[in-house]
Structures are given as structure tokens and as C-alpha cells.
Amino acid sequence: MPLESIIEFISTLMTDYLYAGVFLAALIETVIPPIPTMAVFPTAGFIASQNGLGLLELFFLGILGGLGASIGSTVIYLIALKLGRTALLKYLKYVKVSEKKLVRVEEWFQKYGDKAVLFGRMIPVFREMISIPAGLLKMKLPKFLAYTILGSCAWSMTLIFIGYYFGVAAIEFL
């Protein structure tokens, strides 16, 4: 399935089922690497602005998006934890993640410790990748979940609010 078709599916999902759509889109975006985050959260914010959602509803939307991304990240963490480095590298080559990239992420993780998960959730590309060294290096699951949920919700809310702002600006412009 081409990337454009997947993005169109995600956009339709969010348009038709805003809250559940954002949750599912965030989960899918996290697990399937080529789907860009920018296709999910700012779009959700834009859709929310077009539907007249208020501030409280935006926060709820951001939390749902963050939880969807957190579940997807946990799936990646558990796969890395169970498969181990050698087996994982065989599969990562199909999504264009080389051993060199994995080593860089692992070094970054070791340098910054557990906080790498929290702040890694807010850095494009690292968002999904940081779950791999966390699993490979056997980070404790409760700590992984806490940092993942905090970072994912912060990222989701920020991008949703940006999309919302541009949606409101578009309405005012027209």
C-alpha cells in the first residue's frame, strides 16, 4: 500500500471519528515508520478547529493521541526486548534502519539515560527509534511507560495546538 494511501486513510479516519481516529492514527503512525507524525497531529488540530472544538476538548484529543502513540511505542519496546539485537537488525533493514543508526540511538540512550525516552518522544525520527534501545537495554517497563506517556502526550498536544491555530487562522482569513 503506497504511503499516500495510508496518509489518506489516516486523514479520513480522523475526519470521520475524531477522538477514536486520532488515537488509532497515532498508534498506527508509531508502529509503521514511514508515516510522518506531521500527517497525524497537526491534521487532527486542524480538523478540531474546523469542528469548533474548545480548549478542554483539545487537551483530551492530545491525551488520546499521546496514549495511542504510547501503546505503539510499547509494542516496539516489547519487540526489541523479546527479539534482541541480532534478530531485530534483520527486520530493521526493511524499514531502512541500519546498524549504524541503531548504534547512534543506543549511544544517545546510554548518554542521556532514562530521560532519553522522555525527550526522545519529542524529536522527529527518534520518537519511534528510542523504544528500541530502551527494550534492548532492558529499561524497566514502569519507568519506560511513565516517560513515554509524558513525552508522547506533550508532543501530541503541542502539534495538535499548532494545527488548531492554523485552522482558526484559516477560518478568520476566509
C-alpha atoms as a PDB file:
ATOM      1  CA  MET A   1       0.000   0.000   0.000  1.00  0.00           C
ATOM      2  CA  PRO A   2       1.603   3.320  -1.022  1.00  0.00           C
ATOM      3  CA  LEU A   3       2.357   5.927   1.643  1.00  0.00           C
ATOM      4  CA  GLU A   4      -0.109   8.394   0.105  1.00  0.00           C
ATOM      5  CA  SER A   5      -2.916   5.850   0.504  1.00  0.00           C
ATOM      6  CA  ILE A   6      -2.021   5.260   4.155  1.00  0.00           C
ATOM      7  CA  ILE A   7      -1.969   9.010   4.864  1.00  0.00           C
ATOM      8  CA  GLU A   8      -5.315   9.416   3.092  1.00  0.00           C
ATOM      9  CA  PHE A   9      -6.742   6.564   5.190  1.00  0.00           C
ATOM     10  CA  ILE A  10      -5.470   8.207   8.405  1.00  0.00           C
ATOM     11  CA  SER A  11      -6.895  11.600   7.418  1.00  0.00           C
ATOM     12  CA  THR A  12     -10.279  10.040   6.674  1.00  0.00           C
ATOM     13  CA  LEU A  13     -10.167   8.102   9.950  1.00  0.00           C
ATOM     14  CA  MET A  14      -9.566  11.318  11.910  1.00  0.00           C
ATOM     15  CA  THR A  15     -12.184  13.270   9.963  1.00  0.00           C
ATOM     16  CA  ASP A  16     -14.875  10.623  10.430  1.00  0.00           C
ATOM     17  CA  TYR A  17     -14.054   9.539  14.011  1.00  0.00           C
ATOM     18  CA  LEU A  18     -12.079  12.419  15.510  1.00  0.00           C
ATOM     19  CA  TYR A  19     -11.264  11.099  19.001  1.00  0.00           C
ATOM     20  CA  ALA A  20     -11.015   7.399  18.195  1.00  0.00           C
ATOM     21  CA  GLY A  21      -9.439   8.325  14.853  1.00  0.00           C
ATOM     22  CA  VAL A  22      -6.629  10.315  16.485  1.00  0.00           C
ATOM     23  CA  PHE A  23      -5.961   7.501  18.953  1.00  0.00           C
ATOM     24  CA  LEU A  24      -5.773   4.869  16.182  1.00  0.00           C
ATOM     25  CA  ALA A  25      -3.849   7.141  13.801  1.00  0.00           C
ATOM     26  CA  ALA A  26      -1.219   7.838  16.491  1.00  0.00           C
ATOM     27  CA  LEU A  27      -0.889   4.132  17.224  1.00  0.00           C
ATOM     28  CA  ILE A  28      -0.520   3.272  13.520  1.00  0.00           C
ATOM     29  CA  GLU A  29       1.894   6.178  12.885  1.00  0.00           C
ATOM     30  CA  THR A  30       4.170   4.996  15.689  1.00  0.00           C
ATOM     31  CA  VAL A  31       4.296   1.349  14.627  1.00  0.00           C
ATOM     32  CA  ILE A  32       4.610   1.952  10.860  1.00  0.00           C
ATOM     33  CA  PRO A  33       7.794   4.042  10.447  1.00  0.00           C
ATOM     34  CA  PRO A  34       7.235   5.738   7.089  1.00  0.00           C
ATOM     35  CA  ILE A  35       4.070   7.513   8.272  1.00  0.00           C
ATOM     36  CA  PRO A  36       5.110  11.015   9.340  1.00  0.00           C
ATOM     37  CA  THR A  37       3.925  12.423  12.669  1.00  0.00           C
ATOM     38  CA  MET A  38       3.139  15.651  10.847  1.00  0.00           C
ATOM     39  CA  ALA A  39       0.409  13.788   8.957  1.00  0.00           C
ATOM     40  CA  VAL A  40      -1.393  12.990  12.216  1.00  0.00           C
ATOM     41  CA  PHE A  41      -1.307  15.564  14.997  1.00  0.00           C
ATOM     42  CA  PRO A  42      -1.371  18.911  13.149  1.00  0.00           C
ATOM     43  CA  THR A  43      -4.073  17.488  10.881  1.00  0.00           C
ATOM     44  CA  ALA A  44      -6.078  16.485  13.957  1.00  0.00           C
ATOM     45  CA  GLY A  45      -5.730  20.025  15.314  1.00  0.00           C
ATOM     46  CA  PHE A  46      -6.845  21.490  12.003  1.00  0.00           C
ATOM     47  CA  ILE A  47      -9.877  19.178  11.898  1.00  0.00           C
ATOM     48  CA  ALA A  48     -10.682  20.138  15.510  1.00  0.00           C
ATOM     49  CA  SER A  49     -10.611  23.835  14.585  1.00  0.00           C
ATOM     50  CA  GLN A  50     -12.980  23.238  11.692  1.00  0.00           C
ATOM     51  CA  ASN A  51     -15.390  21.475  14.071  1.00  0.00           C
ATOM     52  CA  GLY A  52     -15.255  24.273  16.667  1.00  0.00           C
ATOM     53  CA  LEU A  53     -13.715  22.244  19.493  1.00  0.00           C
ATOM     54  CA  GLY A  54     -12.809  24.087  22.686  1.00  0.00           C
ATOM     55  CA  LEU A  55      -9.658  24.103  24.802  1.00  0.00           C
ATOM     56  CA  LEU A  56     -10.690  21.214  27.065  1.00  0.00           C
ATOM     57  CA  GLU A  57     -11.575  19.076  24.049  1.00  0.00           C
ATOM     58  CA  LEU A  58      -8.161  19.842  22.503  1.00  0.00           C
ATOM     59  CA  PHE A  59      -6.394  18.656  25.654  1.00  0.00           C
ATOM     60  CA  PHE A  60      -8.450  15.461  25.599  1.00  0.00           C
ATOM     61  CA  LEU A  61      -7.598  14.972  21.924  1.00  0.00           C
ATOM     62  CA  GLY A  62      -3.893  15.460  22.743  1.00  0.00           C
ATOM     63  CA  ILE A  63      -4.033  12.932  25.562  1.00  0.00           C
ATOM     64  CA  LEU A  64      -5.747  10.374  23.319  1.00  0.00           C
ATOM     65  CA  GLY A  65      -3.105  10.926  20.640  1.00  0.00           C
ATOM     66  CA  GLY A  66      -0.342  10.581  23.229  1.00  0.00           C
ATOM     67  CA  LEU A  67      -1.834   7.363  24.583  1.00  0.00           C
ATOM     68  CA  GLY A  68      -2.158   5.894  21.086  1.00  0.00           C
ATOM     69  CA  ALA A  69       1.484   6.741  20.377  1.00  0.00           C
ATOM     70  CA  SER A  70       2.477   5.305  23.772  1.00  0.00           C
ATOM     71  CA  ILE A  71       0.823   1.974  23.022  1.00  0.00           C
ATOM     72  CA  GLY A  72       2.592   1.854  19.654  1.00  0.00           C
ATOM     73  CA  SER A  73       5.917   2.695  21.333  1.00  0.00           C
ATOM     74  CA  THR A  74       5.342  -0.023  23.912  1.00  0.00           C
ATOM     75  CA  VAL A  75       4.796  -2.562  21.143  1.00  0.00           C
ATOM     76  CA  ILE A  76       8.169  -1.574  19.646  1.00  0.00           C
ATOM     77  CA  TYR A  77       9.806  -1.722  23.110  1.00  0.00           C
ATOM     78  CA  LEU A  78       8.438  -5.235  23.750  1.00  0.00           C
ATOM     79  CA  ILE A  79       9.539  -6.471  20.326  1.00  0.00           C
ATOM     80  CA  ALA A  80      13.077  -5.180  20.968  1.00  0.00           C
ATOM     81  CA  LEU A  81      13.067  -6.677  24.463  1.00  0.00           C
ATOM     82  CA  LYS A  82      11.953 -10.116  23.229  1.00  0.00           C
ATOM     83  CA  LEU A  83      13.852 -10.374  19.919  1.00  0.00           C
ATOM     84  CA  GLY A  84      17.222  -8.986  20.956  1.00  0.00           C
ATOM     85  CA  ARG A  85      19.702  -7.019  18.877  1.00  0.00           C
ATOM     86  CA  THR A  86      20.750  -9.593  16.274  1.00  0.00           C
ATOM     87  CA  ALA A  87      17.249 -10.688  15.312  1.00  0.00           C
ATOM     88  CA  LEU A  88      15.969  -7.119  15.367  1.00  0.00           C
ATOM     89  CA  LEU A  89      18.632  -5.886  12.951  1.00  0.00           C
ATOM     90  CA  LYS A  90      17.405  -8.413  10.365  1.00  0.00           C
ATOM     91  CA  TYR A  91      13.959  -6.808  10.384  1.00  0.00           C
ATOM     92  CA  LEU A  92      15.058  -3.180  10.757  1.00  0.00           C
ATOM     93  CA  LYS A  93      16.841  -3.234   7.402  1.00  0.00           C
ATOM     94  CA  TYR A  94      13.400  -3.436   5.733  1.00  0.00           C
ATOM     95  CA  VAL A  95      12.454  -0.047   7.187  1.00  0.00           C
ATOM     96  CA  LYS A  96      15.833   1.456   6.310  1.00  0.00           C
ATOM     97  CA  VAL A  97      17.322   1.378   9.807  1.00  0.00           C
ATOM     98  CA  SER A  98      20.955   0.389   9.564  1.00  0.00           C
ATOM     99  CA  GLU A  99      23.168  -0.917  12.339  1.00  0.00           C
ATOM    100  CA  LYS A 100      24.967   2.444  12.244  1.00  0.00           C
ATOM    101  CA  LYS A 101      21.700   4.304  13.004  1.00  0.00           C
ATOM    102  CA  LEU A 102      20.845   1.840  15.750  1.00  0.00           C
ATOM    103  CA  VAL A 103      24.272   2.292  17.339  1.00  0.00           C
ATOM    104  CA  ARG A 104      23.819   6.097  17.303  1.00  0.00           C
ATOM    105  CA  VAL A 105      20.448   5.800  19.032  1.00  0.00           C
ATOM    106  CA  GLU A 106      21.847   3.340  21.583  1.00  0.00           C
ATOM    107  CA  GLU A 107      24.753   5.696  22.343  1.00  0.00           C
ATOM    108  CA  TRP A 108      22.358   8.604  22.746  1.00  0.00           C
ATOM    109  CA  PHE A 109      20.213   6.462  25.056  1.00  0.00           C
ATOM    110  CA  GLN A 110      23.200   5.459  27.186  1.00  0.00           C
ATOM    111  CA  LYS A 111      24.483   9.045  27.357  1.00  0.00           C
ATOM    112  CA  TYR A 112      21.196  10.559  28.496  1.00  0.00           C
ATOM    113  CA  GLY A 113      19.775   7.574  30.348  1.00  0.00           C
ATOM    114  CA  ASP A 114      16.103   7.227  31.036  1.00  0.00           C
ATOM    115  CA  LYS A 115      15.418  10.866  30.155  1.00  0.00           C
ATOM    116  CA  ALA A 116      16.309   9.933  26.567  1.00  0.00           C
ATOM    117  CA  VAL A 117      12.893   8.273  26.373  1.00  0.00           C
ATOM    118  CA  LEU A 118      11.080  11.380  27.652  1.00  0.00           C
ATOM    119  CA  PHE A 119      12.868  13.860  25.398  1.00  0.00           C
ATOM    120  CA  GLY A 120      13.261  11.386  22.539  1.00  0.00           C
ATOM    121  CA  ARG A 121       9.459  11.348  22.193  1.00  0.00           C
ATOM    122  CA  MET A 122       9.659  14.976  21.115  1.00  0.00           C
ATOM    123  CA  ILE A 123      12.344  14.619  18.447  1.00  0.00           C
ATOM    124  CA  PRO A 124      11.223  13.555  14.963  1.00  0.00           C
ATOM    125  CA  VAL A 125      12.653  10.169  13.885  1.00  0.00           C
ATOM    126  CA  PHE A 126      13.922   9.466  17.429  1.00  0.00           C
ATOM    127  CA  ARG A 127      10.290   9.248  18.570  1.00  0.00           C
ATOM    128  CA  GLU A 128       9.904   5.733  17.294  1.00  0.00           C
ATOM    129  CA  MET A 129      13.551   4.684  17.426  1.00  0.00           C
ATOM    130  CA  ILE A 130      14.087   5.378  21.137  1.00  0.00           C
ATOM    131  CA  SER A 131      11.852   2.444  22.094  1.00  0.00           C
ATOM    132  CA  ILE A 132      14.332   0.035  20.507  1.00  0.00           C
ATOM    133  CA  PRO A 133      17.359   0.737  22.738  1.00  0.00           C
ATOM    134  CA  ALA A 134      15.031   1.026  25.744  1.00  0.00           C
ATOM    135  CA  GLY A 135      13.910  -2.547  25.037  1.00  0.00           C
ATOM    136  CA  LEU A 136      17.333  -3.845  24.050  1.00  0.00           C
ATOM    137  CA  LEU A 137      18.945  -2.345  27.158  1.00  0.00           C
ATOM    138  CA  LYS A 138      16.082  -3.658  29.322  1.00  0.00           C
ATOM    139  CA  MET A 139      14.804  -0.366  30.731  1.00  0.00           C
ATOM    140  CA  LYS A 140      12.260  -1.062  33.480  1.00  0.00           C
ATOM    141  CA  LEU A 141       8.757  -1.132  31.976  1.00  0.00           C
ATOM    142  CA  PRO A 142       7.065   1.187  34.544  1.00  0.00           C
ATOM    143  CA  LYS A 143       9.703   3.872  34.005  1.00  0.00           C
ATOM    144  CA  PHE A 144       9.526   3.398  30.224  1.00  0.00           C
ATOM    145  CA  LEU A 145       5.745   3.803  30.304  1.00  0.00           C
ATOM    146  CA  ALA A 146       5.842   6.907  32.514  1.00  0.00           C
ATOM    147  CA  TYR A 147       8.386   8.727  30.326  1.00  0.00           C
ATOM    148  CA  THR A 148       6.742   7.539  27.121  1.00  0.00           C
ATOM    149  CA  ILE A 149       3.270   8.704  28.123  1.00  0.00           C
ATOM    150  CA  LEU A 150       4.531  12.092  29.355  1.00  0.00           C
ATOM    151  CA  GLY A 151       6.649  12.733  26.263  1.00  0.00           C
ATOM    152  CA  SER A 152       4.076  11.443  23.789  1.00  0.00           C
ATOM    153  CA  CYS A 153       1.241  13.477  25.300  1.00  0.00           C
ATOM    154  CA  ALA A 154       3.369  16.645  25.344  1.00  0.00           C
ATOM    155  CA  TRP A 155       4.337  16.123  21.685  1.00  0.00           C
ATOM    156  CA  SER A 156       0.795  15.279  20.636  1.00  0.00           C
ATOM    157  CA  MET A 157      -0.730  18.288  22.412  1.00  0.00           C
ATOM    158  CA  THR A 158       1.868  20.689  21.031  1.00  0.00           C
ATOM    159  CA  LEU A 159       1.311  19.635  17.426  1.00  0.00           C
ATOM    160  CA  ILE A 160      -2.468  19.488  17.819  1.00  0.00           C
ATOM    161  CA  PHE A 161      -2.486  23.048  19.180  1.00  0.00           C
ATOM    162  CA  ILE A 162      -0.298  24.195  16.262  1.00  0.00           C
ATOM    163  CA  GLY A 163      -2.681  22.582  13.767  1.00  0.00           C
ATOM    164  CA  TYR A 164      -5.626  24.110  15.606  1.00  0.00           C
ATOM    165  CA  TYR A 165      -4.079  27.581  15.499  1.00  0.00           C
ATOM    166  CA  PHE A 166      -3.552  27.350  11.734  1.00  0.00           C
ATOM    167  CA  GLY A 167      -7.105  26.074  11.304  1.00  0.00           C
ATOM    168  CA  VAL A 168      -8.525  29.014  13.249  1.00  0.00           C
ATOM    169  CA  ALA A 169      -6.309  31.410  11.263  1.00  0.00           C
ATOM    170  CA  ALA A 170      -7.641  29.895   8.026  1.00  0.00           C
ATOM    171  CA  ILE A 171     -11.243  30.409   9.166  1.00  0.00           C
ATOM    172  CA  GLU A 172     -10.540  34.032  10.090  1.00  0.00           C
ATOM    173  CA  PHE A 173      -8.714  34.623   6.814  1.00  0.00           C
ATOM    174  CA  LEU A 174     -11.636  33.369   4.764  1.00  0.00           C
END
